[in-house]
């Protein structure tokens, strides 16, 4: 058990910021083999992130996601990213399987430097009373 006063929130935030920045750089380095610079990749990411809400809301109306991407007009940033094999850059930056940058975040580095609020994932002791979300069961499952 830790008391709030014993937790170094600044160190935790600094460690998370460092991890995020390193992950973003790795993702950019990974797809830099396309011959694009980091600045060019980030420009494509900004354009794709601005277009992403339209893609996300419209693709289900046309069958598969691949069919929808193929139907996009030639100047669409998401289509450009896909055509030069940068879709995996977008994928490795955003969402649960990538670094975690929100799909609509145009600047991954600004996101990496944002301070997250502290939260307890499951339970805490407050004013001498145990508070939890559900009950912890076998193998860490909650109900």
Protein backbone atom coordinates (compact mmCIF):
# COMPACT_ATOMS: atom_id res chain seq x y z
CA UNK A 1 0.00 0.00 0.00
CA UNK A 2 1.25 3.49 -0.81
CA UNK A 3 0.17 6.79 0.60
CA UNK A 4 -0.46 9.63 -1.79
CA UNK A 5 2.34 11.67 -0.23
CA UNK A 6 4.80 8.81 -0.90
CA UNK A 7 4.15 8.71 -4.65
CA UNK A 8 6.50 10.72 -6.87
CA UNK A 9 4.00 11.90 -9.48
CA UNK A 10 6.58 14.07 -11.26
CA UNK A 11 8.97 11.16 -11.74
CA UNK A 12 6.14 8.93 -12.97
CA UNK A 13 5.05 11.59 -15.48
CA UNK A 14 8.63 12.14 -16.66
CA UNK A 15 9.16 8.39 -17.13
CA UNK A 16 5.91 8.06 -19.11
CA UNK A 17 6.74 11.08 -21.28
CA UNK A 18 10.17 9.60 -22.03
CA UNK A 19 8.61 6.23 -22.91
CA UNK A 20 6.06 7.86 -25.22
CA UNK A 21 8.68 9.99 -26.99
CA UNK A 22 10.96 6.97 -27.51
CA UNK A 23 8.03 4.93 -28.84
CA UNK A 24 7.07 7.66 -31.31
CA UNK A 25 10.65 7.91 -32.56
CA UNK A 26 10.84 4.11 -32.97
CA UNK A 27 7.57 4.10 -34.93
CA UNK A 28 8.85 6.86 -37.22
CA UNK A 29 12.23 5.15 -37.66
CA UNK A 30 10.48 1.88 -38.46
CA UNK A 31 8.71 3.31 -41.49
CA UNK A 32 11.41 5.80 -42.49
CA UNK A 33 12.61 3.08 -44.84
CA UNK A 34 10.12 4.55 -47.32
CA UNK A 35 12.66 7.32 -47.94
CA UNK A 36 10.61 10.02 -46.23
CA UNK A 37 12.04 12.24 -43.50
CA UNK A 38 10.47 12.40 -40.03
CA UNK A 39 9.02 15.82 -40.92
CA UNK A 40 7.41 14.41 -44.07
CA UNK A 41 6.02 11.45 -42.13
CA UNK A 42 4.61 13.76 -39.47
CA UNK A 43 3.01 15.97 -42.15
CA UNK A 44 1.32 12.90 -43.62
CA UNK A 45 0.24 11.83 -40.12
CA UNK A 46 -1.26 15.29 -39.45
CA UNK A 47 -3.20 15.17 -42.71
CA UNK A 48 -4.36 11.59 -42.07
CA UNK A 49 -5.41 12.38 -38.50
CA UNK A 50 -7.49 15.33 -39.73
CA UNK A 51 -9.23 13.04 -42.23
CA UNK A 52 -9.56 10.04 -39.92
CA UNK A 53 -12.98 10.93 -38.39
CA UNK A 54 -14.51 10.97 -41.90
CA UNK A 55 -12.86 7.64 -42.71
CA UNK A 56 -13.95 6.07 -39.45
CA UNK A 57 -17.56 7.20 -39.79
CA UNK A 58 -17.90 6.35 -43.47
CA UNK A 59 -16.15 3.08 -44.08
CA UNK A 60 -18.83 0.77 -42.68
CA UNK A 61 -21.27 1.94 -45.33
CA UNK A 62 -19.23 0.48 -48.20
CA UNK A 63 -18.36 -3.05 -47.16
CA UNK A 64 -14.79 -3.80 -46.17
CA UNK A 65 -12.33 -1.22 -44.89
CA UNK A 66 -9.98 -2.00 -47.81
CA UNK A 67 -12.77 -1.36 -50.33
CA UNK A 68 -13.50 1.94 -48.63
CA UNK A 69 -9.83 2.98 -48.72
CA UNK A 70 -9.60 2.07 -52.40
CA UNK A 71 -12.71 4.18 -53.10
CA UNK A 72 -11.21 7.32 -51.53
CA UNK A 73 -10.27 10.10 -53.98
CA UNK A 74 -6.63 10.20 -55.07
CA UNK A 75 -5.76 13.32 -53.04
CA UNK A 76 -7.09 11.94 -49.75
CA UNK A 77 -4.28 11.96 -47.13
CA UNK A 78 -5.23 8.52 -45.81
CA UNK A 79 -5.05 7.12 -49.33
CA UNK A 80 -1.68 8.84 -49.89
CA UNK A 81 -0.37 7.33 -46.67
CA UNK A 82 -1.55 3.90 -47.78
CA UNK A 83 -0.14 4.22 -51.28
CA UNK A 84 3.36 4.97 -50.01
CA UNK A 85 3.03 2.25 -47.37
CA UNK A 86 2.72 4.68 -44.50
CA UNK A 87 -0.52 3.20 -43.22
CA UNK A 88 1.56 1.14 -40.81
CA UNK A 89 3.12 4.39 -39.54
CA UNK A 90 -0.34 5.63 -38.68
CA UNK A 91 -1.15 2.22 -37.21
CA UNK A 92 2.02 2.06 -35.14
CA UNK A 93 1.41 5.55 -33.76
CA UNK A 94 -2.27 5.41 -32.92
CA UNK A 95 -4.66 3.27 -30.97
CA UNK A 96 -4.23 0.37 -28.58
CA UNK A 97 -1.81 -1.58 -30.80
CA UNK A 98 0.50 1.34 -31.41
CA UNK A 99 2.04 3.99 -29.19
CA UNK A 100 -1.45 5.13 -28.15
CA UNK A 101 -1.68 8.50 -29.89
CA UNK A 102 -5.40 9.27 -30.44
CA UNK A 103 -6.40 8.93 -34.12
CA UNK A 104 -7.39 12.59 -34.30
CA UNK A 105 -4.23 13.93 -32.60
CA UNK A 106 -2.26 15.87 -35.23
CA UNK A 107 0.96 16.19 -33.19
CA UNK A 108 2.21 12.98 -31.58
CA UNK A 109 5.00 14.84 -29.76
CA UNK A 110 2.60 17.32 -28.16
CA UNK A 111 0.46 14.36 -27.05
CA UNK A 112 3.55 12.63 -25.58
CA UNK A 113 4.33 15.71 -23.49
CA UNK A 114 0.80 16.14 -22.10
CA UNK A 115 0.49 15.33 -18.43
CA UNK A 116 -1.97 12.56 -17.72
CA UNK A 117 -4.11 12.71 -14.63
CA UNK A 118 -3.41 10.05 -12.03
CA UNK A 119 -6.06 7.41 -11.55
CA UNK A 120 -6.41 4.13 -9.73
CA UNK A 121 -7.18 1.28 -12.06
CA UNK A 122 -9.17 -0.81 -9.66
CA UNK A 123 -9.26 0.16 -5.98
CA UNK A 124 -8.08 2.60 -3.33
CA UNK A 125 -8.37 3.36 0.37
CA UNK A 126 -10.11 6.67 1.02
CA UNK A 127 -10.78 8.05 4.48
CA UNK A 128 -10.20 4.55 5.92
CA UNK A 129 -12.77 2.97 3.58
CA UNK A 130 -11.86 0.48 0.83
CA UNK A 131 -13.34 1.54 -2.52
CA UNK A 132 -13.30 -0.66 -5.62
CA UNK A 133 -15.00 -1.11 -8.95
CA UNK A 134 -16.69 -4.51 -8.69
CA UNK A 135 -15.16 -7.52 -6.96
CA UNK A 136 -11.80 -9.06 -7.80
CA UNK A 137 -12.19 -12.69 -8.78
CA UNK A 138 -9.84 -15.46 -9.88
CA UNK A 139 -6.92 -14.57 -12.19
CA UNK A 140 -7.53 -10.85 -11.69
CA UNK A 141 -10.99 -10.86 -13.30
CA UNK A 142 -13.46 -8.42 -11.87
CA UNK A 143 -17.22 -8.81 -11.79
